[in-house]
Amino acid sequence: LWTKTRAALATTDELRDSTINVDVNNDVITLRGTVGSAAQKTKAVAVAKGIEGQKGIKDELKVAPADSITNT
């Protein structure tokens, strides 16, 4: 599950610049880290919910706009 979730998040265009850590415990996926917007947070949870075999999602993501030049 961990590998599937990491791969799915890494290949989602909207989430490439995000820092999302994935933990799996008893088939429950926990998402931690920082995303740039509420839309990215929603997308990350949706991607995780689509992982086959998961029994639940814990969303511990924080929304913090990136302080970078690409954020224009």
N, C-alpha and C. Protein backbone atom coordinates (compact mmCIF):
# COMPACT_ATOMS: atom_id res chain seq x y z
N LEU A 1 0.82 -1.21 0.00
CA LEU A 1 0.00 0.00 0.00
C LEU A 1 0.86 1.26 0.00
N TRP A 2 1.93 1.24 0.78
CA TRP A 2 2.81 2.40 0.87
C TRP A 2 3.37 2.73 -0.51
N THR A 3 3.88 1.72 -1.19
CA THR A 3 4.48 1.93 -2.51
C THR A 3 3.45 2.43 -3.51
N LYS A 4 2.27 1.82 -3.50
CA LYS A 4 1.21 2.25 -4.43
C LYS A 4 0.82 3.70 -4.18
N THR A 5 0.70 4.07 -2.91
CA THR A 5 0.29 5.43 -2.56
C THR A 5 1.36 6.44 -2.97
N ARG A 6 2.62 6.13 -2.65
CA ARG A 6 3.72 7.02 -3.02
C ARG A 6 3.77 7.22 -4.54
N ALA A 7 3.63 6.12 -5.28
CA ALA A 7 3.69 6.20 -6.73
C ALA A 7 2.53 7.03 -7.28
N ALA A 8 1.34 6.82 -6.73
CA ALA A 8 0.16 7.55 -7.20
C ALA A 8 0.30 9.05 -6.93
N LEU A 9 0.81 9.41 -5.76
CA LEU A 9 0.99 10.82 -5.43
C LEU A 9 2.09 11.44 -6.29
N ALA A 10 3.16 10.69 -6.52
CA ALA A 10 4.29 11.21 -7.30
C ALA A 10 3.93 11.44 -8.76
N THR A 11 2.97 10.69 -9.27
CA THR A 11 2.61 10.83 -10.68
C THR A 11 1.39 11.72 -10.89
N THR A 12 0.90 12.35 -9.83
CA THR A 12 -0.21 13.28 -9.95
C THR A 12 0.34 14.68 -10.17
N ASP A 13 0.05 15.25 -11.34
CA ASP A 13 0.64 16.54 -11.72
C ASP A 13 0.50 17.62 -10.65
N GLU A 14 -0.69 17.75 -10.08
CA GLU A 14 -0.94 18.83 -9.13
C GLU A 14 -0.14 18.69 -7.84
N LEU A 15 0.42 17.51 -7.60
CA LEU A 15 1.08 17.25 -6.31
C LEU A 15 2.59 17.12 -6.42
N ARG A 16 3.16 17.37 -7.58
CA ARG A 16 4.60 17.17 -7.79
C ARG A 16 5.45 17.99 -6.83
N ASP A 17 5.03 19.22 -6.52
CA ASP A 17 5.85 20.11 -5.68
C ASP A 17 5.53 19.99 -4.20
N SER A 18 4.66 19.07 -3.86
CA SER A 18 4.25 18.92 -2.46
C SER A 18 5.21 18.01 -1.70
N THR A 19 5.23 18.19 -0.40
CA THR A 19 6.02 17.32 0.48
C THR A 19 5.03 16.49 1.27
N ILE A 20 4.73 15.29 0.76
CA ILE A 20 3.74 14.44 1.41
C ILE A 20 4.42 13.16 1.87
N ASN A 21 4.34 12.91 3.18
CA ASN A 21 4.86 11.66 3.73
C ASN A 21 3.70 10.69 3.88
N VAL A 22 3.97 9.44 3.57
CA VAL A 22 2.93 8.41 3.61
C VAL A 22 3.31 7.37 4.66
N ASP A 23 2.38 7.07 5.54
CA ASP A 23 2.54 5.97 6.51
C ASP A 23 1.35 5.05 6.34
N VAL A 24 1.58 3.76 6.52
CA VAL A 24 0.49 2.79 6.45
C VAL A 24 0.53 1.94 7.71
N ASN A 25 -0.62 1.85 8.38
CA ASN A 25 -0.72 1.04 9.59
C ASN A 25 -2.07 0.33 9.55
N ASN A 26 -2.05 -0.99 9.54
CA ASN A 26 -3.29 -1.78 9.45
C ASN A 26 -4.15 -1.37 8.26
N ASP A 27 -3.50 -1.16 7.12
CA ASP A 27 -4.18 -0.79 5.86
C ASP A 27 -4.84 0.58 5.90
N VAL A 28 -4.52 1.40 6.91
CA VAL A 28 -4.99 2.78 6.94
C VAL A 28 -3.82 3.67 6.52
N ILE A 29 -4.07 4.51 5.52
CA ILE A 29 -3.03 5.38 4.98
C ILE A 29 -3.08 6.72 5.69
N THR A 30 -1.94 7.15 6.24
CA THR A 30 -1.84 8.46 6.87
C THR A 30 -1.00 9.36 5.97
N LEU A 31 -1.55 10.52 5.64
CA LEU A 31 -0.85 11.52 4.84
C LEU A 31 -0.42 12.65 5.75
N ARG A 32 0.90 12.93 5.74
CA ARG A 32 1.45 14.03 6.54
C ARG A 32 2.31 14.88 5.64
N GLY A 33 2.46 16.13 6.02
CA GLY A 33 3.33 17.01 5.26
C GLY A 33 2.64 18.29 4.89
N THR A 34 3.18 18.93 3.86
CA THR A 34 2.71 20.25 3.47
C THR A 34 2.36 20.28 1.99
N VAL A 35 1.24 20.89 1.69
CA VAL A 35 0.83 21.11 0.30
C VAL A 35 0.61 22.61 0.10
N GLY A 36 0.60 23.05 -1.15
CA GLY A 36 0.54 24.47 -1.45
C GLY A 36 -0.85 25.08 -1.40
N SER A 37 -1.90 24.25 -1.45
CA SER A 37 -3.25 24.80 -1.48
C SER A 37 -4.25 23.79 -0.96
N ALA A 38 -5.44 24.28 -0.64
CA ALA A 38 -6.52 23.40 -0.19
C ALA A 38 -6.90 22.42 -1.30
N ALA A 39 -6.80 22.87 -2.56
CA ALA A 39 -7.13 21.99 -3.68
C ALA A 39 -6.14 20.82 -3.76
N GLN A 40 -4.87 21.09 -3.48
CA GLN A 40 -3.87 20.02 -3.49
C GLN A 40 -4.14 19.02 -2.36
N LYS A 41 -4.55 19.54 -1.21
CA LYS A 41 -4.87 18.68 -0.07
C LYS A 41 -6.03 17.75 -0.44
N THR A 42 -7.08 18.33 -1.02
CA THR A 42 -8.24 17.54 -1.45
C THR A 42 -7.82 16.48 -2.47
N LYS A 43 -6.96 16.86 -3.41
CA LYS A 43 -6.51 15.94 -4.46
C LYS A 43 -5.70 14.80 -3.85
N ALA A 44 -4.82 15.10 -2.91
CA ALA A 44 -3.99 14.08 -2.28
C ALA A 44 -4.86 13.05 -1.56
N VAL A 45 -5.87 13.52 -0.85
CA VAL A 45 -6.78 12.61 -0.14
C VAL A 45 -7.56 11.76 -1.15
N ALA A 46 -8.00 12.38 -2.24
CA ALA A 46 -8.74 11.65 -3.27
C ALA A 46 -7.88 10.56 -3.90
N VAL A 47 -6.61 10.89 -4.16
CA VAL A 47 -5.68 9.90 -4.74
C VAL A 47 -5.51 8.73 -3.77
N ALA A 48 -5.31 9.04 -2.49
CA ALA A 48 -5.12 7.99 -1.49
C ALA A 48 -6.37 7.11 -1.36
N LYS A 49 -7.55 7.73 -1.44
CA LYS A 49 -8.79 6.97 -1.34
C LYS A 49 -8.95 6.01 -2.51
N GLY A 50 -8.29 6.32 -3.62
CA GLY A 50 -8.38 5.47 -4.80
C GLY A 50 -7.44 4.28 -4.77
N ILE A 51 -6.61 4.18 -3.75
CA ILE A 51 -5.65 3.08 -3.67
C ILE A 51 -6.37 1.79 -3.29
N GLU A 52 -6.18 0.78 -4.10
CA GLU A 52 -6.85 -0.51 -3.87
C GLU A 52 -6.29 -1.17 -2.61
N GLY A 53 -7.19 -1.60 -1.73
CA GLY A 53 -6.78 -2.31 -0.52
C GLY A 53 -6.75 -1.46 0.74
N GLN A 54 -6.83 -0.15 0.59
CA GLN A 54 -6.80 0.70 1.79
C GLN A 54 -8.12 0.61 2.54
N LYS A 55 -8.04 0.79 3.85
CA LYS A 55 -9.25 0.71 4.68
C LYS A 55 -9.62 2.05 5.30
N GLY A 56 -8.88 3.07 4.96
CA GLY A 56 -9.18 4.39 5.50
C GLY A 56 -8.04 5.34 5.25
N ILE A 57 -8.34 6.63 5.37
CA ILE A 57 -7.35 7.68 5.16
C ILE A 57 -7.34 8.59 6.38
N LYS A 58 -6.14 8.87 6.90
CA LYS A 58 -5.98 9.89 7.93
C LYS A 58 -5.30 11.07 7.26
N ASP A 59 -5.97 12.20 7.26
CA ASP A 59 -5.45 13.39 6.60
C ASP A 59 -4.82 14.31 7.63
N GLU A 60 -3.49 14.36 7.67
CA GLU A 60 -2.79 15.26 8.58
C GLU A 60 -1.97 16.27 7.79
N LEU A 61 -2.42 16.56 6.58
CA LEU A 61 -1.71 17.50 5.71
C LEU A 61 -1.97 18.94 6.15
N LYS A 62 -0.95 19.77 6.01
CA LYS A 62 -1.07 21.20 6.30
C LYS A 62 -0.99 21.96 4.98
N VAL A 63 -1.77 23.02 4.89
CA VAL A 63 -1.72 23.86 3.69
C VAL A 63 -0.82 25.05 3.98
N ALA A 64 0.26 25.18 3.20
CA ALA A 64 1.18 26.30 3.34
C ALA A 64 1.71 26.66 1.96
N PRO A 65 1.29 27.81 1.44
CA PRO A 65 1.77 28.21 0.11
C PRO A 65 3.29 28.25 0.07
N ALA A 66 3.85 27.76 -1.01
CA ALA A 66 5.31 27.69 -1.15
C ALA A 66 5.89 29.09 -1.28
N ASP A 67 6.99 29.32 -0.60
CA ASP A 67 7.70 30.61 -0.72
C ASP A 67 8.76 30.48 -1.79
N SER A 68 8.33 30.35 -3.03
CA SER A 68 9.28 30.16 -4.10
C SER A 68 8.94 31.04 -5.29
N ILE A 69 9.87 31.18 -6.18
CA ILE A 69 9.68 32.00 -7.36
C ILE A 69 8.60 31.42 -8.26
N THR A 70 8.41 30.10 -8.22
CA THR A 70 7.43 29.46 -9.09
C THR A 70 6.00 29.74 -8.63
N ASN A 71 5.82 30.35 -7.48
CA ASN A 71 4.49 30.60 -6.94
C ASN A 71 4.00 31.98 -7.36
N THR A 72 3.91 32.20 -8.70
CA THR A 72 3.45 33.51 -9.18
C THR A 72 2.25 33.37 -10.07
